[in-house]
Amino acid sequence: MTEQDKAEFATALAELYVKRRQEWWSAIDRVQKIRAAIKEYSQAFLLQQDRIKQIATAKWDQLVEVIELLPADIKEATMREVARIE
């Protein structure tokens, strides 16, 4: 990979990282709003809440694992780009 390729890859990965983290927080926020709005839960409702959190958590965990496996220079560039995007 050229330095330009690494930089472009790090930028794209950083954008995905931020997107997945926002999705994760959004899922958590949705669940909290649902819980606040409804006091009595049915079993099906609880399972749906858990599924929302599980999907968001799985996406987040997978991306974090990928970033941890990257070569140090790409990982560093990705995390700098994440900080810049935020």
C-alpha atoms as a PDB file:
ATOM      1  CA  MET A   1       0.000   0.000   0.000  1.00  0.00           C
ATOM      2  CA  THR A   2       1.195   3.472  -0.771  1.00  0.00           C
ATOM      3  CA  GLU A   3       1.038   6.188   1.867  1.00  0.00           C
ATOM      4  CA  GLN A   4      -1.895   7.717  -0.018  1.00  0.00           C
ATOM      5  CA  ASP A   5      -3.714   4.356   0.005  1.00  0.00           C
ATOM      6  CA  LYS A   6      -3.079   4.015   3.743  1.00  0.00           C
ATOM      7  CA  ALA A   7      -4.365   7.528   4.385  1.00  0.00           C
ATOM      8  CA  GLU A   8      -7.518   6.922   2.334  1.00  0.00           C
ATOM      9  CA  PHE A   9      -8.089   3.586   4.052  1.00  0.00           C
ATOM     10  CA  ALA A  10      -7.595   5.155   7.491  1.00  0.00           C
ATOM     11  CA  THR A  11     -10.050   7.938   6.632  1.00  0.00           C
ATOM     12  CA  ALA A  12     -12.701   5.512   5.402  1.00  0.00           C
ATOM     13  CA  LEU A  13     -12.212   3.276   8.417  1.00  0.00           C
ATOM     14  CA  ALA A  14     -12.403   6.229  10.799  1.00  0.00           C
ATOM     15  CA  GLU A  15     -15.678   7.346   9.238  1.00  0.00           C
ATOM     16  CA  LEU A  16     -17.077   3.834   9.654  1.00  0.00           C
ATOM     17  CA  TYR A  17     -15.815   3.744  13.256  1.00  0.00           C
ATOM     18  CA  VAL A  18     -17.614   6.984  14.110  1.00  0.00           C
ATOM     19  CA  LYS A  19     -20.767   5.845  12.275  1.00  0.00           C
ATOM     20  CA  ARG A  20     -20.907   2.526  14.130  1.00  0.00           C
ATOM     21  CA  ARG A  21     -20.317   4.210  17.487  1.00  0.00           C
ATOM     22  CA  GLN A  22     -23.132   6.680  16.734  1.00  0.00           C
ATOM     23  CA  GLU A  23     -25.404   3.770  15.779  1.00  0.00           C
ATOM     24  CA  TRP A  24     -24.521   2.064  19.042  1.00  0.00           C
ATOM     25  CA  TRP A  25     -25.305   5.150  21.135  1.00  0.00           C
ATOM     26  CA  SER A  26     -28.451   5.740  19.116  1.00  0.00           C
ATOM     27  CA  ALA A  27     -29.615   2.183  19.851  1.00  0.00           C
ATOM     28  CA  ILE A  28     -28.942   2.690  23.553  1.00  0.00           C
ATOM     29  CA  ASP A  29     -30.835   6.012  23.489  1.00  0.00           C
ATOM     30  CA  ARG A  30     -33.803   4.428  21.708  1.00  0.00           C
ATOM     31  CA  VAL A  31     -34.013   1.677  24.291  1.00  0.00           C
ATOM     32  CA  GLN A  32     -33.863   4.185  27.138  1.00  0.00           C
ATOM     33  CA  LYS A  33     -36.625   6.289  25.554  1.00  0.00           C
ATOM     34  CA  ILE A  34     -38.778   3.205  25.060  1.00  0.00           C
ATOM     35  CA  ARG A  35     -38.280   2.158  28.669  1.00  0.00           C
ATOM     36  CA  ALA A  36     -39.148   5.647  29.898  1.00  0.00           C
ATOM     37  CA  ALA A  37     -42.320   5.780  27.808  1.00  0.00           C
ATOM     38  CA  ILE A  38     -43.671   2.359  28.731  1.00  0.00           C
ATOM     39  CA  LYS A  39     -43.846   1.134  32.303  1.00  0.00           C
ATOM     40  CA  GLU A  40     -45.128  -2.372  31.759  1.00  0.00           C
ATOM     41  CA  TYR A  41     -43.149  -4.592  29.419  1.00  0.00           C
ATOM     42  CA  SER A  42     -44.262  -7.738  27.695  1.00  0.00           C
ATOM     43  CA  GLN A  43     -41.752 -10.525  27.079  1.00  0.00           C
ATOM     44  CA  ALA A  44     -41.748  -9.804  23.344  1.00  0.00           C
ATOM     45  CA  PHE A  45     -41.007  -6.149  23.964  1.00  0.00           C
ATOM     46  CA  LEU A  46     -38.054  -6.989  26.206  1.00  0.00           C
ATOM     47  CA  LEU A  47     -36.680  -9.369  23.586  1.00  0.00           C
ATOM     48  CA  GLN A  48     -36.920  -6.653  20.923  1.00  0.00           C
ATOM     49  CA  GLN A  49     -34.999  -4.224  23.126  1.00  0.00           C
ATOM     50  CA  ASP A  50     -32.283  -6.793  23.695  1.00  0.00           C
ATOM     51  CA  ARG A  51     -32.073  -7.499  19.966  1.00  0.00           C
ATOM     52  CA  ILE A  52     -31.613  -3.800  19.145  1.00  0.00           C
ATOM     53  CA  LYS A  53     -28.740  -3.583  21.637  1.00  0.00           C
ATOM     54  CA  GLN A  54     -27.206  -6.878  20.506  1.00  0.00           C
ATOM     55  CA  ILE A  55     -27.069  -5.827  16.847  1.00  0.00           C
ATOM     56  CA  ALA A  56     -25.512  -2.456  17.605  1.00  0.00           C
ATOM     57  CA  THR A  57     -23.035  -3.996  20.044  1.00  0.00           C
ATOM     58  CA  ALA A  58     -22.015  -6.694  17.567  1.00  0.00           C
ATOM     59  CA  LYS A  59     -21.308  -4.146  14.826  1.00  0.00           C
ATOM     60  CA  TRP A  60     -19.316  -1.992  17.239  1.00  0.00           C
ATOM     61  CA  ASP A  61     -17.329  -4.924  18.650  1.00  0.00           C
ATOM     62  CA  GLN A  62     -16.438  -6.208  15.180  1.00  0.00           C
ATOM     63  CA  LEU A  63     -15.122  -2.851  14.066  1.00  0.00           C
ATOM     64  CA  VAL A  64     -13.082  -2.391  17.241  1.00  0.00           C
ATOM     65  CA  GLU A  65     -11.560  -5.846  16.697  1.00  0.00           C
ATOM     66  CA  VAL A  66     -10.648  -4.982  13.106  1.00  0.00           C
ATOM     67  CA  ILE A  67      -8.965  -1.767  14.168  1.00  0.00           C
ATOM     68  CA  GLU A  68      -6.996  -3.588  16.869  1.00  0.00           C
ATOM     69  CA  LEU A  69      -5.621  -5.983  14.234  1.00  0.00           C
ATOM     70  CA  LEU A  70      -4.420  -3.250  11.878  1.00  0.00           C
ATOM     71  CA  PRO A  71      -0.746  -2.433  11.458  1.00  0.00           C
ATOM     72  CA  ALA A  72       0.297   0.273  13.925  1.00  0.00           C
ATOM     73  CA  ASP A  73       0.638   3.034  11.336  1.00  0.00           C
ATOM     74  CA  ILE A  74      -2.833   2.467   9.865  1.00  0.00           C
ATOM     75  CA  LYS A  75      -4.376   2.072  13.324  1.00  0.00           C
ATOM     76  CA  GLU A  76      -2.768   5.327  14.454  1.00  0.00           C
ATOM     77  CA  ALA A  77      -3.902   7.169  11.335  1.00  0.00           C
ATOM     78  CA  THR A  78      -7.423   5.799  11.778  1.00  0.00           C
ATOM     79  CA  MET A  79      -7.669   6.924  15.395  1.00  0.00           C
ATOM     80  CA  ARG A  80      -6.298  10.392  14.537  1.00  0.00           C
ATOM     81  CA  GLU A  81      -8.953  10.641  11.845  1.00  0.00           C
ATOM     82  CA  VAL A  82     -11.628   9.540  14.349  1.00  0.00           C
ATOM     83  CA  ALA A  83     -10.519  12.317  16.702  1.00  0.00           C
ATOM     84  CA  ARG A  84     -10.658  14.826  13.838  1.00  0.00           C
ATOM     85  CA  ILE A  85     -14.152  13.734  12.742  1.00  0.00           C
ATOM     86  CA  GLU A  86     -15.542  13.978  16.246  1.00  0.00           C
END
